[in-house]
């Protein structure tokens, strides 16, 4: 007659039964009534099984930002540019980060010719003015880009919005950062000419 090796399920069942007995005995020793001792005994295996997942989830939850929290709040200007570039790369298009000096107001170039997108990144503590729009609109032809965009962690002034509308420049402000990836995908998608 052969002896079967215990499976993981059998071992886990034994540990859960042991936890139930210990939990019920501890409750009884601390002065709980027999009914409450049975309730504690029945609940102990579930608590023991869920505790590691709960603790791991609590730790991960403390480390990750809430969707309403500003992930860009502690970033520097360069880190914000890297953040925007990562989002652009995740859109599946080529990304070129320009040099810090001599970039003609274009921080990131996204996409392929002739649909390249010039992006100006502004990480500021106040609303972004029309100067950022002027810079990227003027610098886009120098970088061989057909479209323009300004991305900020804050909002835009009314003058910046008006100028962007006039020049067809896309604006993505702090609360709209969630739509950055689909906007980049839309702007870098090749347009097919229509026949007249």
N, C-alpha and C. Protein backbone atom coordinates (compact mmCIF):
# COMPACT_ATOMS: atom_id res chain seq x y z
N UNK A 1 0.85 -1.17 0.00
CA UNK A 1 0.00 0.00 0.00
C UNK A 1 0.90 1.23 0.00
N UNK A 2 0.64 2.13 -0.94
CA UNK A 2 1.48 3.32 -1.04
C UNK A 2 0.87 4.47 -0.24
N UNK A 3 1.73 5.33 0.26
CA UNK A 3 1.30 6.50 1.04
C UNK A 3 1.37 7.71 0.13
N UNK A 4 0.26 8.42 0.01
CA UNK A 4 0.22 9.60 -0.84
C UNK A 4 0.87 10.78 -0.11
N UNK A 5 1.64 11.53 -0.83
CA UNK A 5 2.25 12.73 -0.26
C UNK A 5 1.16 13.78 -0.09
N UNK A 6 1.22 14.55 1.00
CA UNK A 6 0.20 15.58 1.19
C UNK A 6 0.32 16.67 0.13
N UNK A 7 -0.81 17.07 -0.40
CA UNK A 7 -0.83 18.15 -1.39
C UNK A 7 -0.88 19.49 -0.68
N UNK A 8 -0.65 20.51 -1.44
CA UNK A 8 -0.68 21.87 -0.87
C UNK A 8 -2.06 22.17 -0.30
N UNK A 9 -3.09 21.67 -0.99
CA UNK A 9 -4.47 21.92 -0.54
C UNK A 9 -4.71 21.27 0.83
N UNK A 10 -4.20 20.04 1.01
CA UNK A 10 -4.38 19.36 2.30
C UNK A 10 -3.62 20.08 3.42
N UNK A 11 -2.42 20.52 3.11
CA UNK A 11 -1.62 21.23 4.11
C UNK A 11 -2.30 22.55 4.48
N UNK A 12 -2.81 23.27 3.47
CA UNK A 12 -3.48 24.54 3.74
C UNK A 12 -4.74 24.32 4.57
N UNK A 13 -5.47 23.24 4.27
CA UNK A 13 -6.68 22.93 5.04
C UNK A 13 -6.33 22.67 6.50
N UNK A 14 -5.24 21.93 6.73
CA UNK A 14 -4.81 21.66 8.11
C UNK A 14 -4.43 22.95 8.84
N UNK A 15 -3.73 23.85 8.14
CA UNK A 15 -3.35 25.12 8.77
C UNK A 15 -4.58 25.97 9.08
N UNK A 16 -5.56 25.96 8.19
CA UNK A 16 -6.79 26.73 8.44
C UNK A 16 -7.56 26.15 9.62
N UNK A 17 -7.63 24.83 9.71
CA UNK A 17 -8.30 24.20 10.86
C UNK A 17 -7.56 24.51 12.16
N UNK A 18 -6.23 24.47 12.11
CA UNK A 18 -5.45 24.81 13.29
C UNK A 18 -5.68 26.26 13.70
N UNK A 19 -5.74 27.18 12.71
CA UNK A 19 -6.00 28.59 13.01
C UNK A 19 -7.38 28.76 13.63
N UNK A 20 -8.37 28.00 13.14
CA UNK A 20 -9.72 28.10 13.70
C UNK A 20 -9.75 27.63 15.15
N UNK A 21 -9.09 26.52 15.41
CA UNK A 21 -9.07 25.99 16.79
C UNK A 21 -8.34 26.97 17.72
N UNK A 22 -7.19 27.47 17.28
CA UNK A 22 -6.43 28.41 18.11
C UNK A 22 -7.24 29.69 18.32
N UNK A 23 -7.87 30.20 17.28
CA UNK A 23 -8.67 31.43 17.41
C UNK A 23 -9.82 31.25 18.37
N UNK A 24 -10.52 30.12 18.28
CA UNK A 24 -11.63 29.85 19.20
C UNK A 24 -11.15 29.70 20.64
N UNK A 25 -10.03 29.01 20.83
CA UNK A 25 -9.48 28.82 22.19
C UNK A 25 -9.03 30.15 22.79
N UNK A 26 -8.39 30.99 21.98
CA UNK A 26 -7.94 32.29 22.49
C UNK A 26 -9.15 33.14 22.88
N UNK A 27 -10.19 33.12 22.05
CA UNK A 27 -11.41 33.88 22.37
C UNK A 27 -12.03 33.37 23.66
N UNK A 28 -12.09 32.05 23.84
CA UNK A 28 -12.65 31.47 25.06
C UNK A 28 -11.80 31.85 26.27
N UNK A 29 -10.45 31.81 26.12
CA UNK A 29 -9.55 32.15 27.23
C UNK A 29 -9.67 33.62 27.61
N UNK A 30 -10.00 34.48 26.65
CA UNK A 30 -10.14 35.91 26.95
C UNK A 30 -11.51 36.26 27.49
N UNK A 31 -12.38 35.25 27.66
CA UNK A 31 -13.65 35.49 28.31
C UNK A 31 -14.85 35.60 27.38
N UNK A 32 -14.71 35.21 26.13
CA UNK A 32 -15.84 35.26 25.19
C UNK A 32 -16.80 34.13 25.50
N UNK A 33 -18.06 34.37 25.19
CA UNK A 33 -19.07 33.32 25.38
C UNK A 33 -18.83 32.21 24.37
N UNK A 34 -19.42 31.04 24.59
CA UNK A 34 -19.21 29.94 23.63
C UNK A 34 -19.66 30.30 22.20
N UNK A 35 -20.73 31.06 22.06
CA UNK A 35 -21.21 31.44 20.73
C UNK A 35 -20.18 32.33 20.04
N UNK A 36 -19.67 33.33 20.76
CA UNK A 36 -18.67 34.22 20.17
C UNK A 36 -17.35 33.50 19.92
N UNK A 37 -17.02 32.54 20.73
CA UNK A 37 -15.82 31.74 20.49
C UNK A 37 -15.94 30.96 19.19
N UNK A 38 -17.13 30.43 18.89
CA UNK A 38 -17.36 29.72 17.62
C UNK A 38 -17.32 30.69 16.44
N UNK A 39 -17.86 31.90 16.63
CA UNK A 39 -17.83 32.91 15.56
C UNK A 39 -16.38 33.27 15.24
N UNK A 40 -15.59 33.50 16.29
CA UNK A 40 -14.18 33.82 16.09
C UNK A 40 -13.46 32.65 15.43
N UNK A 41 -13.76 31.43 15.85
CA UNK A 41 -13.13 30.25 15.27
C UNK A 41 -13.48 30.14 13.78
N UNK A 42 -14.71 30.45 13.41
CA UNK A 42 -15.13 30.36 12.01
C UNK A 42 -14.50 31.47 11.16
N UNK A 43 -14.31 32.66 11.75
CA UNK A 43 -13.78 33.79 11.00
C UNK A 43 -12.26 33.80 10.90
N UNK A 44 -11.59 33.15 11.83
CA UNK A 44 -10.12 33.20 11.88
C UNK A 44 -9.45 32.71 10.59
N UNK A 45 -9.85 31.57 9.98
CA UNK A 45 -9.18 31.14 8.74
C UNK A 45 -9.30 32.17 7.61
N UNK A 46 -10.45 32.80 7.50
CA UNK A 46 -10.63 33.81 6.44
C UNK A 46 -9.72 35.01 6.69
N UNK A 47 -9.61 35.41 7.94
CA UNK A 47 -8.77 36.56 8.28
C UNK A 47 -7.30 36.22 8.03
N UNK A 48 -6.89 35.02 8.43
CA UNK A 48 -5.51 34.60 8.23
C UNK A 48 -5.18 34.51 6.73
N UNK A 49 -6.12 34.03 5.94
CA UNK A 49 -5.89 33.90 4.50
C UNK A 49 -5.85 35.26 3.81
N UNK A 50 -6.67 36.21 4.27
CA UNK A 50 -6.75 37.53 3.62
C UNK A 50 -5.69 38.51 4.11
N UNK A 51 -5.12 38.29 5.25
CA UNK A 51 -4.19 39.26 5.84
C UNK A 51 -3.00 39.59 4.94
N UNK A 52 -2.30 38.62 4.35
CA UNK A 52 -1.15 39.00 3.50
C UNK A 52 -1.55 39.86 2.31
N UNK A 53 -2.65 39.51 1.66
CA UNK A 53 -3.11 40.31 0.52
C UNK A 53 -3.52 41.71 0.96
N UNK A 54 -4.18 41.79 2.11
CA UNK A 54 -4.61 43.09 2.61
C UNK A 54 -3.41 43.98 2.92
N UNK A 55 -2.43 43.43 3.60
CA UNK A 55 -1.24 44.21 3.96
C UNK A 55 -0.49 44.65 2.71
N UNK A 56 -0.30 43.72 1.73
CA UNK A 56 0.38 44.08 0.49
C UNK A 56 -0.39 45.17 -0.26
N UNK A 57 -1.73 45.05 -0.33
CA UNK A 57 -2.54 46.06 -1.00
C UNK A 57 -2.48 47.41 -0.29
N UNK A 58 -2.46 47.39 1.04
CA UNK A 58 -2.37 48.64 1.79
C UNK A 58 -1.04 49.35 1.54
N UNK A 59 0.04 48.58 1.49
CA UNK A 59 1.35 49.18 1.24
C UNK A 59 1.43 49.74 -0.18
N UNK A 60 0.97 48.98 -1.16
CA UNK A 60 0.97 49.47 -2.54
C UNK A 60 0.06 50.69 -2.70
N UNK A 61 -1.05 50.69 -2.02
CA UNK A 61 -1.97 51.82 -2.08
C UNK A 61 -1.38 53.10 -1.50
N UNK A 62 -0.58 52.95 -0.47
CA UNK A 62 0.05 54.14 0.11
C UNK A 62 1.11 54.71 -0.81
N UNK A 63 1.76 53.85 -1.61
CA UNK A 63 2.83 54.31 -2.48
C UNK A 63 2.34 54.87 -3.81
N UNK A 64 1.16 54.50 -4.25
CA UNK A 64 0.69 54.97 -5.55
C UNK A 64 -0.24 56.18 -5.38
N UNK A 65 -0.13 57.16 -6.27
CA UNK A 65 -0.97 58.35 -6.15
C UNK A 65 -2.42 58.06 -6.51
N UNK A 66 -3.30 58.74 -5.86
CA UNK A 66 -4.73 58.66 -6.16
C UNK A 66 -4.96 59.36 -7.49
N UNK A 67 -5.95 58.94 -8.29
CA UNK A 67 -6.18 59.59 -9.58
C UNK A 67 -6.39 61.10 -9.47
N UNK A 68 -6.92 61.57 -8.34
CA UNK A 68 -7.12 63.01 -8.19
C UNK A 68 -5.88 63.73 -7.69
N UNK A 69 -4.86 62.97 -7.28
CA UNK A 69 -3.61 63.59 -6.86
C UNK A 69 -2.79 63.98 -8.07
N UNK A 70 -2.02 65.02 -7.93
CA UNK A 70 -1.21 65.52 -9.03
C UNK A 70 0.12 64.78 -9.05
N UNK A 71 0.28 63.88 -10.03
CA UNK A 71 1.52 63.11 -10.14
C UNK A 71 2.69 64.00 -10.53
N UNK A 72 2.42 65.17 -11.10
CA UNK A 72 3.47 66.06 -11.58
C UNK A 72 3.88 67.11 -10.55
N UNK A 73 3.26 67.10 -9.39
CA UNK A 73 3.49 68.16 -8.40
C UNK A 73 4.94 68.25 -7.94
N UNK A 74 5.59 67.12 -7.77
CA UNK A 74 6.95 67.13 -7.24
C UNK A 74 8.02 67.09 -8.33
N UNK A 75 7.59 67.16 -9.60
CA UNK A 75 8.55 67.06 -10.70
C UNK A 75 9.22 68.40 -10.99
N UNK A 76 10.45 68.31 -11.51
CA UNK A 76 11.13 69.49 -12.04
C UNK A 76 10.67 69.66 -13.49
N UNK A 77 11.12 70.73 -14.14
CA UNK A 77 10.77 70.95 -15.54
C UNK A 77 11.27 69.84 -16.45
N UNK A 78 12.50 69.39 -16.22
CA UNK A 78 13.08 68.32 -17.02
C UNK A 78 12.35 67.00 -16.78
N UNK A 79 12.02 66.72 -15.53
CA UNK A 79 11.27 65.50 -15.22
C UNK A 79 9.89 65.53 -15.86
N UNK A 80 9.27 66.71 -15.91
CA UNK A 80 7.97 66.84 -16.56
C UNK A 80 8.08 66.56 -18.06
N UNK A 81 9.16 67.05 -18.70
CA UNK A 81 9.38 66.75 -20.11
C UNK A 81 9.55 65.24 -20.32
N UNK A 82 10.31 64.59 -19.45
CA UNK A 82 10.49 63.14 -19.54
C UNK A 82 9.15 62.41 -19.37
N UNK A 83 8.32 62.90 -18.46
CA UNK A 83 6.99 62.32 -18.22
C UNK A 83 6.13 62.40 -19.48
N UNK A 84 6.11 63.57 -20.12
CA UNK A 84 5.34 63.75 -21.35
C UNK A 84 5.91 62.88 -22.46
N UNK A 85 7.23 62.78 -22.55
CA UNK A 85 7.87 61.94 -23.57
C UNK A 85 7.52 60.46 -23.36
N UNK A 86 7.47 60.01 -22.11
CA UNK A 86 7.08 58.61 -21.83
C UNK A 86 5.65 58.34 -22.30
N UNK A 87 4.76 59.29 -22.06
CA UNK A 87 3.37 59.12 -22.50
C UNK A 87 3.32 59.08 -24.03
N UNK A 88 4.09 59.95 -24.68
CA UNK A 88 4.13 59.97 -26.15
C UNK A 88 4.68 58.65 -26.69
N UNK A 89 5.74 58.11 -26.08
CA UNK A 89 6.30 56.84 -26.52
C UNK A 89 5.29 55.71 -26.37
N UNK A 90 4.50 55.77 -25.30
CA UNK A 90 3.50 54.72 -25.08
C UNK A 90 2.38 54.79 -26.12
N UNK A 91 2.32 55.87 -26.89
CA UNK A 91 1.33 55.99 -27.97
C UNK A 91 1.78 55.24 -29.21
N UNK A 92 3.00 54.75 -29.22
CA UNK A 92 3.49 53.97 -30.34
C UNK A 92 4.07 54.79 -31.47
N UNK A 93 4.49 56.02 -31.19
CA UNK A 93 5.09 56.86 -32.22
C UNK A 93 6.51 57.23 -31.81
N UNK A 94 7.39 57.54 -32.80
CA UNK A 94 8.76 57.94 -32.45
C UNK A 94 8.77 59.27 -31.69
N UNK A 95 9.70 59.38 -30.76
CA UNK A 95 9.81 60.59 -29.94
C UNK A 95 11.26 61.07 -29.97
N UNK A 96 11.45 62.37 -30.22
CA UNK A 96 12.77 63.00 -30.19
C UNK A 96 12.71 64.11 -29.15
N UNK A 97 13.61 64.05 -28.18
CA UNK A 97 13.71 65.13 -27.20
C UNK A 97 14.80 66.08 -27.67
N UNK A 98 14.46 67.36 -27.80
CA UNK A 98 15.43 68.33 -28.31
C UNK A 98 16.39 68.73 -27.21
N UNK A 99 17.47 69.39 -27.61
CA UNK A 99 18.45 69.86 -26.63
C UNK A 99 17.84 71.00 -25.81
N UNK A 100 18.42 71.25 -24.66
CA UNK A 100 17.89 72.27 -23.76
C UNK A 100 18.04 73.65 -24.37
N UNK A 101 19.14 73.91 -25.06
CA UNK A 101 19.33 75.21 -25.69
C UNK A 101 19.21 75.07 -27.20
N UNK A 102 18.74 76.11 -27.84
CA UNK A 102 18.63 76.12 -29.29
C UNK A 102 17.52 75.25 -29.83
N UNK A 103 16.45 75.05 -29.05
CA UNK A 103 15.37 74.17 -29.50
C UNK A 103 14.22 74.94 -30.17
N UNK A 104 14.34 76.26 -30.27
CA UNK A 104 13.33 77.12 -30.88
C UNK A 104 11.96 76.97 -30.22
N UNK A 105 11.95 76.65 -28.95
CA UNK A 105 10.68 76.55 -28.23
C UNK A 105 9.99 75.21 -28.35
N UNK A 106 10.67 74.22 -28.92
CA UNK A 106 10.10 72.88 -29.07
C UNK A 106 10.89 71.94 -28.17
N UNK A 107 10.22 71.34 -27.20
CA UNK A 107 10.89 70.43 -26.27
C UNK A 107 10.90 68.99 -26.77
N UNK A 108 9.80 68.57 -27.40
CA UNK A 108 9.65 67.19 -27.83
C UNK A 108 9.07 67.18 -29.25
N UNK A 109 9.63 66.32 -30.10
CA UNK A 109 9.10 66.13 -31.45
C UNK A 109 8.54 64.71 -31.50
N UNK A 110 7.27 64.59 -31.90
CA UNK A 110 6.59 63.30 -31.87
C UNK A 110 6.06 62.96 -33.25
N UNK A 111 6.24 61.71 -33.65
CA UNK A 111 5.65 61.24 -34.90
C UNK A 111 6.64 61.21 -36.06
N UNK A 112 6.09 60.91 -37.24
CA UNK A 112 6.89 60.82 -38.47
C UNK A 112 6.47 61.93 -39.42
N UNK A 113 7.43 62.30 -40.30
CA UNK A 113 7.10 63.30 -41.31
C UNK A 113 6.01 62.76 -42.21
N UNK A 114 5.09 63.47 -42.70
CA UNK A 114 4.90 64.92 -42.59
C UNK A 114 3.96 65.30 -41.44
N UNK A 115 3.66 64.36 -40.56
CA UNK A 115 2.69 64.62 -39.49
C UNK A 115 3.35 64.81 -38.13
N UNK A 116 4.55 65.33 -38.10
CA UNK A 116 5.25 65.48 -36.82
C UNK A 116 4.59 66.56 -35.97
N UNK A 117 4.63 66.31 -34.67
CA UNK A 117 4.00 67.18 -33.69
C UNK A 117 5.08 67.81 -32.82
N UNK A 118 5.06 69.15 -32.71
CA UNK A 118 6.00 69.88 -31.84
C UNK A 118 5.31 70.13 -30.50
N UNK A 119 5.95 69.71 -29.42
CA UNK A 119 5.37 69.88 -28.09
C UNK A 119 6.26 70.77 -27.25
N UNK A 120 5.64 71.77 -26.63
CA UNK A 120 6.30 72.64 -25.66
C UNK A 120 5.77 72.23 -24.29
N UNK A 121 6.65 71.88 -23.36
CA UNK A 121 6.26 71.46 -22.01
C UNK A 121 6.52 72.61 -21.04
N UNK A 122 5.54 72.92 -20.22
CA UNK A 122 5.67 73.97 -19.21
C UNK A 122 5.22 73.43 -17.86
N UNK A 123 6.17 73.24 -16.96
CA UNK A 123 5.88 72.81 -15.59
C UNK A 123 5.98 74.06 -14.73
N UNK A 124 4.82 74.64 -14.37
CA UNK A 124 4.80 75.92 -13.67
C UNK A 124 3.82 75.91 -12.51
N UNK A 125 3.98 76.88 -11.64
CA UNK A 125 3.08 77.02 -10.50
C UNK A 125 1.96 78.03 -10.78
N UNK A 126 1.97 78.60 -11.96
CA UNK A 126 0.94 79.59 -12.33
C UNK A 126 0.45 79.27 -13.75
N UNK A 127 -0.66 79.85 -14.18
CA UNK A 127 -1.16 79.58 -15.53
C UNK A 127 -0.15 79.96 -16.60
N UNK A 128 -0.15 79.19 -17.68
CA UNK A 128 0.78 79.39 -18.79
C UNK A 128 0.20 80.45 -19.73
N UNK A 129 1.06 81.40 -20.11
CA UNK A 129 0.62 82.51 -20.95
C UNK A 129 0.81 82.25 -22.42
N UNK A 130 0.53 83.28 -23.22
CA UNK A 130 0.59 83.19 -24.67
C UNK A 130 2.01 82.98 -25.19
N UNK A 131 3.02 83.33 -24.41
CA UNK A 131 4.41 83.18 -24.85
C UNK A 131 4.76 81.74 -25.20
N UNK A 132 4.24 80.78 -24.45
CA UNK A 132 4.51 79.38 -24.74
C UNK A 132 3.92 78.97 -26.08
N UNK A 133 2.73 79.46 -26.37
CA UNK A 133 2.09 79.17 -27.66
C UNK A 133 2.89 79.82 -28.79
N UNK A 134 3.31 81.06 -28.59
CA UNK A 134 4.11 81.75 -29.61
C UNK A 134 5.39 80.98 -29.91
N UNK A 135 6.07 80.52 -28.86
CA UNK A 135 7.33 79.80 -29.03
C UNK A 135 7.17 78.53 -29.85
N UNK A 136 6.18 77.71 -29.51
CA UNK A 136 6.03 76.43 -30.20
C UNK A 136 5.51 76.62 -31.62
N UNK A 137 4.64 77.61 -31.83
CA UNK A 137 4.13 77.88 -33.18
C UNK A 137 5.26 78.38 -34.07
N UNK A 138 6.13 79.23 -33.52
CA UNK A 138 7.26 79.75 -34.30
C UNK A 138 8.33 78.69 -34.50
N UNK A 139 8.54 77.82 -33.53
CA UNK A 139 9.61 76.82 -33.62
C UNK A 139 9.24 75.58 -34.41
N UNK A 140 7.95 75.30 -34.59
CA UNK A 140 7.53 74.08 -35.28
C UNK A 140 8.09 73.99 -36.70
N UNK A 141 8.01 75.05 -37.53
CA UNK A 141 8.58 74.93 -38.88
C UNK A 141 10.09 74.71 -38.87
N UNK A 142 10.79 75.26 -37.87
CA UNK A 142 12.23 75.08 -37.77
C UNK A 142 12.59 73.62 -37.47
N UNK A 143 11.67 72.89 -36.83
CA UNK A 143 11.90 71.48 -36.49
C UNK A 143 11.17 70.55 -37.47
N UNK A 144 10.63 71.11 -38.55
CA UNK A 144 9.91 70.35 -39.58
C UNK A 144 8.70 69.63 -39.00
N UNK A 145 7.91 70.38 -38.22
CA UNK A 145 6.69 69.83 -37.61
C UNK A 145 5.47 70.51 -38.21
N UNK A 146 4.41 69.73 -38.42
CA UNK A 146 3.19 70.25 -39.03
C UNK A 146 2.17 70.71 -37.99
N UNK A 147 2.25 70.17 -36.78
CA UNK A 147 1.26 70.49 -35.74
C UNK A 147 1.97 70.88 -34.46
N UNK A 148 1.22 71.58 -33.59
CA UNK A 148 1.81 72.07 -32.35
C UNK A 148 0.93 71.75 -31.15
N UNK A 149 1.60 71.70 -29.98
CA UNK A 149 0.89 71.41 -28.74
C UNK A 149 1.68 72.00 -27.58
N UNK A 150 0.97 72.52 -26.58
CA UNK A 150 1.60 72.96 -25.33
C UNK A 150 0.99 72.12 -24.21
N UNK A 151 1.84 71.51 -23.38
CA UNK A 151 1.41 70.68 -22.27
C UNK A 151 1.91 71.30 -20.98
N UNK A 152 1.02 71.42 -19.99
CA UNK A 152 1.40 72.00 -18.70
C UNK A 152 0.75 71.24 -17.56
N UNK A 153 1.32 71.37 -16.38
CA UNK A 153 0.73 70.80 -15.18
C UNK A 153 -0.33 71.74 -14.60
N UNK A 154 -0.40 72.96 -15.11
CA UNK A 154 -1.32 73.98 -14.60
C UNK A 154 -2.39 74.24 -15.64
N UNK A 155 -2.89 75.45 -15.71
CA UNK A 155 -3.92 75.84 -16.68
C UNK A 155 -3.33 76.88 -17.63
N UNK A 156 -4.15 77.39 -18.54
CA UNK A 156 -3.73 78.38 -19.52
C UNK A 156 -4.49 79.69 -19.31
N UNK A 157 -3.83 80.80 -19.63
CA UNK A 157 -4.50 82.10 -19.55
C UNK A 157 -5.47 82.22 -20.72
N UNK A 158 -6.45 83.12 -20.62
CA UNK A 158 -7.36 83.33 -21.75
C UNK A 158 -6.63 83.76 -23.02
N UNK A 159 -5.57 84.57 -22.89
CA UNK A 159 -4.80 85.00 -24.06
C UNK A 159 -4.13 83.80 -24.74
N UNK A 160 -3.61 82.87 -23.95
CA UNK A 160 -2.98 81.68 -24.52
C UNK A 160 -4.01 80.83 -25.25
N UNK A 161 -5.20 80.70 -24.68
CA UNK A 161 -6.26 79.91 -25.32
C UNK A 161 -6.67 80.54 -26.65
N UNK A 162 -6.80 81.86 -26.66
CA UNK A 162 -7.21 82.56 -27.89
C UNK A 162 -6.15 82.41 -28.97
N UNK A 163 -4.88 82.60 -28.62
CA UNK A 163 -3.80 82.48 -29.59
C UNK A 163 -3.69 81.03 -30.10
N UNK A 164 -3.86 80.06 -29.22
CA UNK A 164 -3.80 78.65 -29.63
C UNK A 164 -4.92 78.32 -30.60
N UNK A 165 -6.10 78.84 -30.34
CA UNK A 165 -7.22 78.61 -31.25
C UNK A 165 -6.95 79.23 -32.61
N UNK A 166 -6.37 80.40 -32.63
CA UNK A 166 -6.06 81.11 -33.87
C UNK A 166 -5.04 80.34 -34.72
N UNK A 167 -4.06 79.69 -34.07
CA UNK A 167 -2.99 78.99 -34.78
C UNK A 167 -3.20 77.48 -34.85
N UNK A 168 -4.29 76.95 -34.29
CA UNK A 168 -4.53 75.51 -34.32
C UNK A 168 -3.61 74.72 -33.42
N UNK A 169 -3.17 75.35 -32.35
CA UNK A 169 -2.27 74.71 -31.38
C UNK A 169 -3.12 74.01 -30.32
N UNK A 170 -2.81 72.75 -30.06
CA UNK A 170 -3.55 71.97 -29.06
C UNK A 170 -3.01 72.30 -27.67
N UNK A 171 -3.91 72.53 -26.71
CA UNK A 171 -3.51 72.82 -25.33
C UNK A 171 -3.98 71.70 -24.41
N UNK A 172 -3.06 71.19 -23.59
CA UNK A 172 -3.39 70.17 -22.60
C UNK A 172 -2.96 70.70 -21.24
N UNK A 173 -3.95 71.03 -20.40
CA UNK A 173 -3.68 71.56 -19.06
C UNK A 173 -3.73 70.48 -18.00
N UNK A 174 -3.44 70.86 -16.76
CA UNK A 174 -3.31 69.94 -15.64
C UNK A 174 -4.42 68.92 -15.50
N UNK A 175 -5.67 69.35 -15.52
CA UNK A 175 -6.78 68.42 -15.35
C UNK A 175 -7.01 67.58 -16.60
N UNK A 176 -6.42 67.98 -17.73
CA UNK A 176 -6.63 67.27 -18.99
C UNK A 176 -5.46 66.34 -19.33
N UNK A 177 -4.49 66.18 -18.43
CA UNK A 177 -3.32 65.33 -18.72
C UNK A 177 -3.72 63.89 -19.03
N UNK A 178 -4.85 63.47 -18.52
CA UNK A 178 -5.33 62.11 -18.80
C UNK A 178 -5.65 61.87 -20.26
N UNK A 179 -5.94 62.93 -21.00
CA UNK A 179 -6.26 62.76 -22.43
C UNK A 179 -5.06 63.05 -23.33
N UNK A 180 -3.87 63.13 -22.76
CA UNK A 180 -2.67 63.43 -23.55
C UNK A 180 -2.38 62.32 -24.57
N UNK A 181 -2.39 61.06 -24.15
CA UNK A 181 -2.07 59.95 -25.05
C UNK A 181 -3.02 59.90 -26.24
N UNK A 182 -4.36 59.90 -26.04
CA UNK A 182 -5.24 59.85 -27.22
C UNK A 182 -5.12 61.09 -28.11
N UNK A 183 -4.80 62.24 -27.52
CA UNK A 183 -4.63 63.45 -28.32
C UNK A 183 -3.39 63.34 -29.20
N UNK A 184 -2.30 62.81 -28.64
CA UNK A 184 -1.07 62.61 -29.43
C UNK A 184 -1.34 61.62 -30.56
N UNK A 185 -2.06 60.54 -30.26
CA UNK A 185 -2.37 59.56 -31.29
C UNK A 185 -3.20 60.19 -32.41
N UNK A 186 -4.16 61.02 -32.03
CA UNK A 186 -5.01 61.67 -33.04
C UNK A 186 -4.21 62.63 -33.90
N UNK A 187 -3.33 63.42 -33.28
CA UNK A 187 -2.59 64.43 -34.03
C UNK A 187 -1.47 63.85 -34.90
N UNK A 188 -0.97 62.67 -34.56
CA UNK A 188 0.13 62.08 -35.34
C UNK A 188 -0.34 61.04 -36.34
N UNK A 189 -1.63 60.79 -36.39
CA UNK A 189 -2.17 59.83 -37.36
C UNK A 189 -2.15 60.47 -38.75
N UNK A 190 -1.60 59.76 -39.72
CA UNK A 190 -1.55 60.34 -41.08
C UNK A 190 -2.95 60.62 -41.61
N UNK A 191 -3.08 61.75 -42.25
CA UNK A 191 -4.36 62.13 -42.84
C UNK A 191 -4.36 61.69 -44.30
N UNK A 192 -5.45 61.09 -44.71
CA UNK A 192 -5.55 60.66 -46.10
C UNK A 192 -6.22 61.77 -46.91
N UNK A 193 -5.63 62.14 -48.02
CA UNK A 193 -6.25 63.21 -48.82
C UNK A 193 -7.56 62.73 -49.43
N UNK A 194 -8.50 63.63 -49.48
CA UNK A 194 -9.79 63.31 -50.09
C UNK A 194 -9.84 63.83 -51.51
N UNK A 195 -10.45 63.06 -52.37
CA UNK A 195 -10.55 63.47 -53.77
C UNK A 195 -11.77 64.35 -53.95
N UNK A 196 -11.63 65.36 -54.79
CA UNK A 196 -12.72 66.29 -55.03
C UNK A 196 -13.30 66.05 -56.39
